[in-house]
């Protein structure tokens, strides 16, 4: 099975001591987002965990002790670095600092284990198509030697964004074409593998590969393992990622990104962050008498011998 540490919150940036404690103790508890009193227990052992997947906007807090996980497990790292400033991503380091941290991470784990995520691509009066194209080109030049691939996606205009980002403009088909062409050109110029995320739209004419940002082929190649092919459903329409188990919690990331799908309310996220106990097996809070804990289904993925 695959353990995902960062799809619901930026665990690395804000909860590194907890994460390292869980791997040291060898298990973790995770609440069901829809039924909070249902809690799954996952064993954190290389015998049942085929890969630990990270996703973060700031790996700086975990770098000094990352070897405690990479020394025992296969790993894969998604690093989100976008064009946005603190007007959109208040808690995220600036581009220069983020790239420096990515370079340090790459020197520790190798470029093939790192995917640079440039997403979501959204448009406002300040963040225009032209600004994205120029920023992406500059970033691609610096990042290409240190990351195995680049993944991008266009923002989904769900209802919450109408309130959180009223200045947001829809990304028209013509805009998508211009952006895809420019991203593909820049990636090709610097020898960077580039692909989409969460869409069935095809941009192969620009040198862009189809969606599937977490595949058995990608994590296997990065770790010198060949997994057997298997069917998977993805997490939503257009998603072609392999199934994983997330050990984080929604409404717990203090980054405050205005486009965030994982926080219903930034104030609630700050409140939950205050309830965090690094010594608890749960990311937020502790078990209550009403909680029912069951062992999560854990089976190693079949490999090619």
C-alpha atoms as a PDB file:
ATOM      1  CA  UNK A   1       0.000   0.000   0.000  1.00  0.00           C
ATOM      2  CA  UNK A   2       0.968   3.638  -0.420  1.00  0.00           C
ATOM      3  CA  UNK A   3       0.907   6.078   2.496  1.00  0.00           C
ATOM      4  CA  UNK A   4       0.173   9.689   1.540  1.00  0.00           C
ATOM      5  CA  UNK A   5       1.233  12.299   4.082  1.00  0.00           C
ATOM      6  CA  UNK A   6       0.168  15.535   2.393  1.00  0.00           C
ATOM      7  CA  UNK A   7      -3.040  15.458   0.358  1.00  0.00           C
ATOM      8  CA  UNK A   8      -5.233  16.778   3.200  1.00  0.00           C
ATOM      9  CA  UNK A   9      -2.802  19.192   4.853  1.00  0.00           C
ATOM     10  CA  UNK A  10       0.802  20.375   4.627  1.00  0.00           C
ATOM     11  CA  UNK A  11       2.056  17.847   7.164  1.00  0.00           C
ATOM     12  CA  UNK A  12       5.742  18.478   6.472  1.00  0.00           C
ATOM     13  CA  UNK A  13       5.585  22.243   6.942  1.00  0.00           C
ATOM     14  CA  UNK A  14       3.527  22.276  10.137  1.00  0.00           C
ATOM     15  CA  UNK A  15       3.613  18.813  11.691  1.00  0.00           C
ATOM     16  CA  UNK A  16       7.092  17.384  11.092  1.00  0.00           C
ATOM     17  CA  UNK A  17       7.746  16.336  14.748  1.00  0.00           C
ATOM     18  CA  UNK A  18       4.440  14.438  14.793  1.00  0.00           C
ATOM     19  CA  UNK A  19       5.199  12.739  11.484  1.00  0.00           C
ATOM     20  CA  UNK A  20       8.627  11.596  12.641  1.00  0.00           C
ATOM     21  CA  UNK A  21       7.130  10.364  15.918  1.00  0.00           C
ATOM     22  CA  UNK A  22       4.604   8.248  14.033  1.00  0.00           C
ATOM     23  CA  UNK A  23       7.262   6.572  11.925  1.00  0.00           C
ATOM     24  CA  UNK A  24       9.422   6.017  14.987  1.00  0.00           C
ATOM     25  CA  UNK A  25       6.532   4.353  16.853  1.00  0.00           C
ATOM     26  CA  UNK A  26       5.503   2.367  13.778  1.00  0.00           C
ATOM     27  CA  UNK A  27       1.811   3.210  13.475  1.00  0.00           C
ATOM     28  CA  UNK A  28      -0.593   6.086  12.884  1.00  0.00           C
ATOM     29  CA  UNK A  29      -4.315   6.774  13.340  1.00  0.00           C
ATOM     30  CA  UNK A  30      -6.438   8.632  10.786  1.00  0.00           C
ATOM     31  CA  UNK A  31     -10.059   9.766  11.087  1.00  0.00           C
ATOM     32  CA  UNK A  32     -12.549   9.126   8.317  1.00  0.00           C
ATOM     33  CA  UNK A  33     -13.401  12.614   6.943  1.00  0.00           C
ATOM     34  CA  UNK A  34     -17.075  11.698   6.469  1.00  0.00           C
ATOM     35  CA  UNK A  35     -17.522   9.694   9.679  1.00  0.00           C
ATOM     36  CA  UNK A  36     -15.147  11.296  12.223  1.00  0.00           C
ATOM     37  CA  UNK A  37     -15.633   8.660  14.921  1.00  0.00           C
ATOM     38  CA  UNK A  38     -14.412   5.954  12.539  1.00  0.00           C
ATOM     39  CA  UNK A  39     -10.645   5.776  12.927  1.00  0.00           C
ATOM     40  CA  UNK A  40      -8.229   3.649  10.882  1.00  0.00           C
ATOM     41  CA  UNK A  41      -4.970   2.323  12.258  1.00  0.00           C
ATOM     42  CA  UNK A  42      -2.113   1.894   9.785  1.00  0.00           C
ATOM     43  CA  UNK A  43       1.138   0.102  10.457  1.00  0.00           C
ATOM     44  CA  UNK A  44       4.126   2.133   9.264  1.00  0.00           C
ATOM     45  CA  UNK A  45       6.503  -0.643   8.316  1.00  0.00           C
ATOM     46  CA  UNK A  46       8.427  -1.285   5.065  1.00  0.00           C
ATOM     47  CA  UNK A  47       6.912  -4.785   5.069  1.00  0.00           C
ATOM     48  CA  UNK A  48       3.444  -3.399   4.258  1.00  0.00           C
ATOM     49  CA  UNK A  49       4.122   0.177   3.032  1.00  0.00           C
ATOM     50  CA  UNK A  50       5.436   0.161  -0.531  1.00  0.00           C
ATOM     51  CA  UNK A  51       6.030   3.905  -0.690  1.00  0.00           C
ATOM     52  CA  UNK A  52       5.608   7.011   1.460  1.00  0.00           C
ATOM     53  CA  UNK A  53       4.387   9.936  -0.641  1.00  0.00           C
ATOM     54  CA  UNK A  54       4.886  13.530   0.468  1.00  0.00           C
ATOM     55  CA  UNK A  55       3.255  16.700  -0.822  1.00  0.00           C
ATOM     56  CA  UNK A  56       4.287  20.060   0.584  1.00  0.00           C
ATOM     57  CA  UNK A  57       4.975  23.713  -0.161  1.00  0.00           C
ATOM     58  CA  UNK A  58       7.882  23.851   2.273  1.00  0.00           C
ATOM     59  CA  UNK A  59      10.177  20.903   3.024  1.00  0.00           C
ATOM     60  CA  UNK A  60      12.585  22.982   5.096  1.00  0.00           C
ATOM     61  CA  UNK A  61      11.368  21.706   8.526  1.00  0.00           C
ATOM     62  CA  UNK A  62      11.978  18.027   7.753  1.00  0.00           C
ATOM     63  CA  UNK A  63      15.261  18.173   5.824  1.00  0.00           C
ATOM     64  CA  UNK A  64      17.607  17.617   8.821  1.00  0.00           C
ATOM     65  CA  UNK A  65      15.797  14.417   9.818  1.00  0.00           C
ATOM     66  CA  UNK A  66      14.354  13.221   6.527  1.00  0.00           C
ATOM     67  CA  UNK A  67      16.806  10.296   6.522  1.00  0.00           C
ATOM     68  CA  UNK A  68      14.807   8.748   9.365  1.00  0.00           C
ATOM     69  CA  UNK A  69      12.143   7.945   6.754  1.00  0.00           C
ATOM     70  CA  UNK A  70      14.102   7.741   3.497  1.00  0.00           C
ATOM     71  CA  UNK A  71      16.593   5.381   5.124  1.00  0.00           C
ATOM     72  CA  UNK A  72      13.852   2.793   5.654  1.00  0.00           C
ATOM     73  CA  UNK A  73      11.118   3.389   3.061  1.00  0.00           C
ATOM     74  CA  UNK A  74      10.665   3.978  -0.635  1.00  0.00           C
ATOM     75  CA  UNK A  75       9.648   7.615  -0.971  1.00  0.00           C
ATOM     76  CA  UNK A  76       8.304  10.119  -3.479  1.00  0.00           C
ATOM     77  CA  UNK A  77       7.999  13.899  -3.157  1.00  0.00           C
ATOM     78  CA  UNK A  78       5.593  16.404  -4.688  1.00  0.00           C
ATOM     79  CA  UNK A  79       6.852  19.958  -4.216  1.00  0.00           C
ATOM     80  CA  UNK A  80       4.342  22.714  -5.017  1.00  0.00           C
ATOM     81  CA  UNK A  81       5.943  25.978  -6.141  1.00  0.00           C
ATOM     82  CA  UNK A  82       3.728  28.435  -7.999  1.00  0.00           C
ATOM     83  CA  UNK A  83       3.828  31.993  -9.292  1.00  0.00           C
ATOM     84  CA  UNK A  84       1.735  33.348  -6.428  1.00  0.00           C
ATOM     85  CA  UNK A  85       2.755  35.670  -3.635  1.00  0.00           C
ATOM     86  CA  UNK A  86       1.359  36.113  -0.145  1.00  0.00           C
ATOM     87  CA  UNK A  87      -1.779  37.715  -1.571  1.00  0.00           C
ATOM     88  CA  UNK A  88      -2.782  34.191  -2.659  1.00  0.00           C
ATOM     89  CA  UNK A  89      -0.574  31.914  -0.512  1.00  0.00           C
ATOM     90  CA  UNK A  90      -0.024  33.792   2.789  1.00  0.00           C
ATOM     91  CA  UNK A  91       1.922  31.053   4.594  1.00  0.00           C
ATOM     92  CA  UNK A  92       4.138  29.879   1.758  1.00  0.00           C
ATOM     93  CA  UNK A  93       7.814  30.883   1.307  1.00  0.00           C
ATOM     94  CA  UNK A  94       8.662  32.996  -1.735  1.00  0.00           C
ATOM     95  CA  UNK A  95       9.779  31.453  -5.012  1.00  0.00           C
ATOM     96  CA  UNK A  96      13.505  31.921  -4.435  1.00  0.00           C
ATOM     97  CA  UNK A  97      13.471  30.331  -1.000  1.00  0.00           C
ATOM     98  CA  UNK A  98      11.267  27.486  -2.216  1.00  0.00           C
ATOM     99  CA  UNK A  99      13.600  26.679  -5.097  1.00  0.00           C
ATOM    100  CA  UNK A 100      16.612  26.687  -2.782  1.00  0.00           C
ATOM    101  CA  UNK A 101      14.843  24.208  -0.517  1.00  0.00           C
ATOM    102  CA  UNK A 102      13.909  22.025  -3.497  1.00  0.00           C
ATOM    103  CA  UNK A 103      17.550  21.918  -4.547  1.00  0.00           C
ATOM    104  CA  UNK A 104      18.564  20.797  -1.056  1.00  0.00           C
ATOM    105  CA  UNK A 105      15.847  18.138  -1.080  1.00  0.00           C
ATOM    106  CA  UNK A 106      17.018  16.924  -4.488  1.00  0.00           C
ATOM    107  CA  UNK A 107      20.578  16.540  -3.234  1.00  0.00           C
ATOM    108  CA  UNK A 108      19.270  14.366  -0.396  1.00  0.00           C
ATOM    109  CA  UNK A 109      16.853  12.097  -2.279  1.00  0.00           C
ATOM    110  CA  UNK A 110      17.712  12.420  -5.985  1.00  0.00           C
ATOM    111  CA  UNK A 111      15.827  14.271  -8.722  1.00  0.00           C
ATOM    112  CA  UNK A 112      13.843  11.213  -9.887  1.00  0.00           C
ATOM    113  CA  UNK A 113      11.950  11.157  -6.599  1.00  0.00           C
ATOM    114  CA  UNK A 114      10.782  14.759  -6.977  1.00  0.00           C
ATOM    115  CA  UNK A 115       7.869  16.183  -8.942  1.00  0.00           C
ATOM    116  CA  UNK A 116       7.564  19.945  -9.151  1.00  0.00           C
ATOM    117  CA  UNK A 117       3.896  20.894  -9.015  1.00  0.00           C
ATOM    118  CA  UNK A 118       2.886  24.160 -10.655  1.00  0.00           C
ATOM    119  CA  UNK A 119      -0.748  24.097  -9.701  1.00  0.00           C
ATOM    120  CA  UNK A 120      -3.426  25.195  -9.662  1.00  0.00           C
ATOM    121  CA  UNK A 121      -3.030  27.612 -12.548  1.00  0.00           C
ATOM    122  CA  UNK A 122      -5.529  30.410 -11.921  1.00  0.00           C
ATOM    123  CA  UNK A 123      -6.070  33.790 -13.527  1.00  0.00           C
ATOM    124  CA  UNK A 124      -6.738  37.206 -11.964  1.00  0.00           C
ATOM    125  CA  UNK A 125      -6.012  40.766 -12.976  1.00  0.00           C
ATOM    126  CA  UNK A 126      -2.534  40.365 -11.457  1.00  0.00           C
ATOM    127  CA  UNK A 127      -1.818  36.760 -12.431  1.00  0.00           C
ATOM    128  CA  UNK A 128      -2.308  36.873 -16.180  1.00  0.00           C
ATOM    129  CA  UNK A 129      -1.445  34.337 -18.848  1.00  0.00           C
ATOM    130  CA  UNK A 130       1.664  36.347 -19.698  1.00  0.00           C
ATOM    131  CA  UNK A 131       2.818  36.437 -16.086  1.00  0.00           C
ATOM    132  CA  UNK A 132       2.375  32.680 -15.735  1.00  0.00           C
ATOM    133  CA  UNK A 133       4.312  31.991 -18.922  1.00  0.00           C
ATOM    134  CA  UNK A 134       7.254  34.165 -17.916  1.00  0.00           C
ATOM    135  CA  UNK A 135       7.338  32.947 -14.298  1.00  0.00           C
ATOM    136  CA  UNK A 136       7.062  29.316 -15.341  1.00  0.00           C
ATOM    137  CA  UNK A 137       9.912  29.703 -17.833  1.00  0.00           C
ATOM    138  CA  UNK A 138      12.223  31.221 -15.226  1.00  0.00           C
ATOM    139  CA  UNK A 139      11.313  28.590 -12.662  1.00  0.00           C
ATOM    140  CA  UNK A 140      11.696  25.711 -15.127  1.00  0.00           C
ATOM    141  CA  UNK A 141      15.228  26.843 -15.965  1.00  0.00           C
ATOM    142  CA  UNK A 142      16.230  26.711 -12.298  1.00  0.00           C
ATOM    143  CA  UNK A 143      14.293  23.598 -11.269  1.00  0.00           C
ATOM    144  CA  UNK A 144      14.835  21.279 -14.258  1.00  0.00           C
ATOM    145  CA  UNK A 145      18.245  19.965 -13.091  1.00  0.00           C
ATOM    146  CA  UNK A 146      16.783  19.002  -9.717  1.00  0.00           C
ATOM    147  CA  UNK A 147      13.316  17.512 -10.395  1.00  0.00           C
ATOM    148  CA  UNK A 148      12.300  14.473 -12.391  1.00  0.00           C
ATOM    149  CA  UNK A 149       9.072  15.935 -13.729  1.00  0.00           C
ATOM    150  CA  UNK A 150       6.692  18.876 -13.656  1.00  0.00           C
ATOM    151  CA  UNK A 151       2.942  18.575 -13.068  1.00  0.00           C
ATOM    152  CA  UNK A 152       0.403  21.335 -13.687  1.00  0.00           C
ATOM    153  CA  UNK A 153      -3.361  21.692 -13.567  1.00  0.00           C
ATOM    154  CA  UNK A 154      -5.937  24.398 -14.160  1.00  0.00           C
ATOM    155  CA  UNK A 155      -8.029  25.613 -11.232  1.00  0.00           C
ATOM    156  CA  UNK A 156     -11.461  24.081 -10.723  1.00  0.00           C
ATOM    157  CA  UNK A 157     -14.072  26.765 -10.093  1.00  0.00           C
ATOM    158  CA  UNK A 158     -15.936  25.172  -7.200  1.00  0.00           C
ATOM    159  CA  UNK A 159     -18.425  27.281  -5.242  1.00  0.00           C
ATOM    160  CA  UNK A 160     -16.187  28.133  -2.297  1.00  0.00           C
ATOM    161  CA  UNK A 161     -13.863  30.068  -4.608  1.00  0.00           C
ATOM    162  CA  UNK A 162     -16.650  32.510  -5.448  1.00  0.00           C
ATOM    163  CA  UNK A 163     -16.379  33.713  -1.862  1.00  0.00           C
ATOM    164  CA  UNK A 164     -12.666  33.198  -1.184  1.00  0.00           C
ATOM    165  CA  UNK A 165     -11.447  34.641  -4.499  1.00  0.00           C
ATOM    166  CA  UNK A 166     -14.031  36.921  -6.089  1.00  0.00           C
ATOM    167  CA  UNK A 167     -11.334  38.349  -8.364  1.00  0.00           C
ATOM    168  CA  UNK A 168     -10.815  34.956 -10.011  1.00  0.00           C
ATOM    169  CA  UNK A 169     -11.340  34.769 -13.779  1.00  0.00           C
ATOM    170  CA  UNK A 170     -12.401  31.580 -15.560  1.00  0.00           C
ATOM    171  CA  UNK A 171      -9.587  29.965 -17.507  1.00  0.00           C
ATOM    172  CA  UNK A 172     -10.987  29.903 -21.038  1.00  0.00           C
ATOM    173  CA  UNK A 173     -10.080  27.209 -23.551  1.00  0.00           C
ATOM    174  CA  UNK A 174      -7.958  29.714 -25.472  1.00  0.00           C
ATOM    175  CA  UNK A 175      -6.069  30.552 -22.266  1.00  0.00           C
ATOM    176  CA  UNK A 176      -5.473  26.854 -21.569  1.00  0.00           C
ATOM    177  CA  UNK A 177      -4.071  26.393 -25.057  1.00  0.00           C
ATOM    178  CA  UNK A 178      -1.686  29.348 -24.716  1.00  0.00           C
ATOM    179  CA  UNK A 179      -0.540  28.207 -21.276  1.00  0.00           C
ATOM    180  CA  UNK A 180      -0.086  24.585 -22.313  1.00  0.00           C
ATOM    181  CA  UNK A 181       1.873  25.597 -25.402  1.00  0.00           C
ATOM    182  CA  UNK A 182       4.119  27.916 -23.378  1.00  0.00           C
ATOM    183  CA  UNK A 183       4.662  25.425 -20.557  1.00  0.00           C
ATOM    184  CA  UNK A 184       5.456  22.686 -23.040  1.00  0.00           C
ATOM    185  CA  UNK A 185       7.918  24.886 -24.900  1.00  0.00           C
ATOM    186  CA  UNK A 186       9.728  25.889 -21.696  1.00  0.00           C
ATOM    187  CA  UNK A 187       9.838  22.317 -20.404  1.00  0.00           C
ATOM    188  CA  UNK A 188      11.238  21.087 -23.710  1.00  0.00           C
ATOM    189  CA  UNK A 189      13.866  23.824 -23.732  1.00  0.00           C
ATOM    190  CA  UNK A 190      15.231  22.749 -20.356  1.00  0.00           C
ATOM    191  CA  UNK A 191      14.732  18.996 -20.727  1.00  0.00           C
ATOM    192  CA  UNK A 192      11.945  18.774 -18.126  1.00  0.00           C
ATOM    193  CA  UNK A 193       9.309  16.021 -18.319  1.00  0.00           C
ATOM    194  CA  UNK A 194       5.902  17.731 -18.061  1.00  0.00           C
ATOM    195  CA  UNK A 195       2.388  16.381 -17.592  1.00  0.00           C
ATOM    196  CA  UNK A 196      -1.114  17.414 -16.597  1.00  0.00           C
ATOM    197  CA  UNK A 197      -3.048  16.535 -13.435  1.00  0.00           C
ATOM    198  CA  UNK A 198      -6.725  15.696 -13.012  1.00  0.00           C
ATOM    199  CA  UNK A 199      -7.858  16.085 -16.603  1.00  0.00           C
ATOM    200  CA  UNK A 200      -8.546  13.984 -19.675  1.00  0.00           C
ATOM    201  CA  UNK A 201      -7.678  16.914 -21.960  1.00  0.00           C
ATOM    202  CA  UNK A 202      -4.767  16.126 -24.268  1.00  0.00           C
ATOM    203  CA  UNK A 203      -1.854  18.477 -24.932  1.00  0.00           C
ATOM    204  CA  UNK A 204       0.575  15.990 -26.446  1.00  0.00           C
ATOM    205  CA  UNK A 205       1.106  18.321 -29.415  1.00  0.00           C
ATOM    206  CA  UNK A 206       3.021  20.554 -26.989  1.00  0.00           C
ATOM    207  CA  UNK A 207       5.137  17.744 -25.591  1.00  0.00           C
ATOM    208  CA  UNK A 208       2.911  17.397 -22.525  1.00  0.00           C
ATOM    209  CA  UNK A 209       2.171  13.919 -21.185  1.00  0.00           C
ATOM    210  CA  UNK A 210      -1.276  12.846 -19.923  1.00  0.00           C
ATOM    211  CA  UNK A 211      -2.491  12.911 -16.314  1.00  0.00           C
ATOM    212  CA  UNK A 212      -1.457  10.502 -13.594  1.00  0.00           C
ATOM    213  CA  UNK A 213       0.781  12.282 -11.094  1.00  0.00           C
ATOM    214  CA  UNK A 214       1.007   9.325  -8.707  1.00  0.00           C
ATOM    215  CA  UNK A 215       1.491   6.166 -10.740  1.00  0.00           C
ATOM    216  CA  UNK A 216       3.138   2.854  -9.974  1.00  0.00           C
ATOM    217  CA  UNK A 217       5.458   3.421 -12.911  1.00  0.00           C
ATOM    218  CA  UNK A 218       6.653   6.784 -11.557  1.00  0.00           C
ATOM    219  CA  UNK A 219       7.205   5.754  -7.945  1.00  0.00           C
ATOM    220  CA  UNK A 220       8.644   2.420  -9.023  1.00  0.00           C
ATOM    221  CA  UNK A 221      11.206   3.932 -11.367  1.00  0.00           C
ATOM    222  CA  UNK A 222      12.170   6.532  -8.757  1.00  0.00           C
ATOM    223  CA  UNK A 223      12.890   3.797  -6.216  1.00  0.00           C
ATOM    224  CA  UNK A 224      14.281   1.040  -8.434  1.00  0.00           C
ATOM    225  CA  UNK A 225      11.168  -1.132  -8.074  1.00  0.00           C
ATOM    226  CA  UNK A 226       8.914  -2.580 -10.771  1.00  0.00           C
ATOM    227  CA  UNK A 227       5.311  -2.966  -9.694  1.00  0.00           C
ATOM    228  CA  UNK A 228       2.811  -5.123 -11.548  1.00  0.00           C
ATOM    229  CA  UNK A 229       0.132  -3.241 -13.451  1.00  0.00           C
ATOM    230  CA  UNK A 230      -3.212  -2.889 -11.676  1.00  0.00           C
ATOM    231  CA  UNK A 231      -6.512  -1.127 -12.295  1.00  0.00           C
ATOM    232  CA  UNK A 232      -7.314   1.956 -10.252  1.00  0.00           C
ATOM    233  CA  UNK A 233     -10.142   4.485 -10.187  1.00  0.00           C
ATOM    234  CA  UNK A 234      -8.373   7.687  -9.183  1.00  0.00           C
ATOM    235  CA  UNK A 235      -9.883  10.149  -6.717  1.00  0.00           C
ATOM    236  CA  UNK A 236     -12.105  12.138  -9.096  1.00  0.00           C
ATOM    237  CA  UNK A 237     -12.980  12.528 -12.761  1.00  0.00           C
ATOM    238  CA  UNK A 238      -9.838  12.931 -14.838  1.00  0.00           C
ATOM    239  CA  UNK A 239      -7.602  11.556 -12.063  1.00  0.00           C
ATOM    240  CA  UNK A 240      -5.447   8.596 -13.047  1.00  0.00           C
ATOM    241  CA  UNK A 241      -3.485   8.191  -9.820  1.00  0.00           C
ATOM    242  CA  UNK A 242      -3.030   4.942  -7.955  1.00  0.00           C
ATOM    243  CA  UNK A 243      -4.889   4.501  -4.666  1.00  0.00           C
ATOM    244  CA  UNK A 244      -3.205   5.629  -1.465  1.00  0.00           C
ATOM    245  CA  UNK A 245      -4.097   6.120   2.219  1.00  0.00           C
ATOM    246  CA  UNK A 246      -3.846   9.652   3.606  1.00  0.00           C
ATOM    247  CA  UNK A 247      -2.854  10.030   7.253  1.00  0.00           C
ATOM    248  CA  UNK A 248      -3.551  13.751   7.511  1.00  0.00           C
ATOM    249  CA  UNK A 249      -6.725  15.698   8.277  1.00  0.00           C
ATOM    250  CA  UNK A 250      -8.767  18.303   6.441  1.00  0.00           C
ATOM    251  CA  UNK A 251      -9.183  21.772   7.947  1.00  0.00           C
ATOM    252  CA  UNK A 252      -5.748  21.701   9.547  1.00  0.00           C
ATOM    253  CA  UNK A 253      -3.371  23.555   7.216  1.00  0.00           C
ATOM    254  CA  UNK A 254      -2.427  27.092   8.398  1.00  0.00           C
ATOM    255  CA  UNK A 255      -0.958  28.099   5.016  1.00  0.00           C
ATOM    256  CA  UNK A 256      -4.150  29.998   4.217  1.00  0.00           C
ATOM    257  CA  UNK A 257      -4.001  29.460   0.443  1.00  0.00           C
ATOM    258  CA  UNK A 258      -7.127  31.133  -0.870  1.00  0.00           C
ATOM    259  CA  UNK A 259      -7.803  28.458  -3.504  1.00  0.00           C
ATOM    260  CA  UNK A 260      -7.435  25.557  -1.038  1.00  0.00           C
ATOM    261  CA  UNK A 261      -9.921  22.687  -1.358  1.00  0.00           C
ATOM    262  CA  UNK A 262      -8.829  21.021   1.911  1.00  0.00           C
ATOM    263  CA  UNK A 263      -9.822  23.869   4.271  1.00  0.00           C
ATOM    264  CA  UNK A 264     -13.460  24.856   4.549  1.00  0.00           C
ATOM    265  CA  UNK A 265     -12.529  27.823   6.736  1.00  0.00           C
ATOM    266  CA  UNK A 266      -9.036  29.275   7.427  1.00  0.00           C
ATOM    267  CA  UNK A 267     -10.054  30.111  11.007  1.00  0.00           C
ATOM    268  CA  UNK A 268     -11.122  26.533  11.601  1.00  0.00           C
ATOM    269  CA  UNK A 269      -7.744  25.354  10.316  1.00  0.00           C
ATOM    270  CA  UNK A 270      -5.949  27.612  12.804  1.00  0.00           C
ATOM    271  CA  UNK A 271      -8.209  26.337  15.597  1.00  0.00           C
ATOM    272  CA  UNK A 272      -7.445  22.720  14.717  1.00  0.00           C
ATOM    273  CA  UNK A 273      -3.741  23.487  14.496  1.00  0.00           C
ATOM    274  CA  UNK A 274      -3.984  24.648  18.101  1.00  0.00           C
ATOM    275  CA  UNK A 275      -5.470  21.259  19.051  1.00  0.00           C
ATOM    276  CA  UNK A 276      -2.490  19.386  17.613  1.00  0.00           C
ATOM    277  CA  UNK A 277      -0.469  17.208  19.991  1.00  0.00           C
ATOM    278  CA  UNK A 278       2.846  15.919  18.562  1.00  0.00           C
ATOM    279  CA  UNK A 279       2.612  12.924  20.903  1.00  0.00           C
ATOM    280  CA  UNK A 280      -0.855  11.827  19.752  1.00  0.00           C
ATOM    281  CA  UNK A 281      -1.262   9.047  17.169  1.00  0.00           C
ATOM    282  CA  UNK A 282      -3.897  11.302  15.530  1.00  0.00           C
ATOM    283  CA  UNK A 283      -2.846  14.461  13.697  1.00  0.00           C
ATOM    284  CA  UNK A 284      -5.527  16.550  15.417  1.00  0.00           C
ATOM    285  CA  UNK A 285      -6.644  15.866  18.975  1.00  0.00           C
ATOM    286  CA  UNK A 286      -6.778  12.495  20.690  1.00  0.00           C
ATOM    287  CA  UNK A 287      -9.081   9.502  20.759  1.00  0.00           C
ATOM    288  CA  UNK A 288     -12.426   9.877  22.519  1.00  0.00           C
ATOM    289  CA  UNK A 289     -14.672   7.198  24.080  1.00  0.00           C
ATOM    290  CA  UNK A 290     -16.968   7.459  21.050  1.00  0.00           C
ATOM    291  CA  UNK A 291     -14.221   6.584  18.575  1.00  0.00           C
ATOM    292  CA  UNK A 292     -14.091   3.153  16.964  1.00  0.00           C
ATOM    293  CA  UNK A 293     -10.618   2.103  15.834  1.00  0.00           C
ATOM    294  CA  UNK A 294     -10.182  -0.588  13.179  1.00  0.00           C
ATOM    295  CA  UNK A 295      -7.098  -1.832  11.366  1.00  0.00           C
ATOM    296  CA  UNK A 296      -6.810  -0.382   7.893  1.00  0.00           C
ATOM    297  CA  UNK A 297      -6.503  -2.794   4.979  1.00  0.00           C
ATOM    298  CA  UNK A 298      -2.792  -3.073   4.247  1.00  0.00           C
ATOM    299  CA  UNK A 299      -1.276  -5.311   1.611  1.00  0.00           C
ATOM    300  CA  UNK A 300       2.024  -4.916  -0.215  1.00  0.00           C
ATOM    301  CA  UNK A 301       1.591  -4.162  -3.902  1.00  0.00           C
ATOM    302  CA  UNK A 302       2.551  -7.026  -6.251  1.00  0.00           C
ATOM    303  CA  UNK A 303       5.982  -6.592  -7.793  1.00  0.00           C
ATOM    304  CA  UNK A 304       7.697  -7.982 -10.854  1.00  0.00           C
ATOM    305  CA  UNK A 305      10.440 -10.321  -9.665  1.00  0.00           C
END
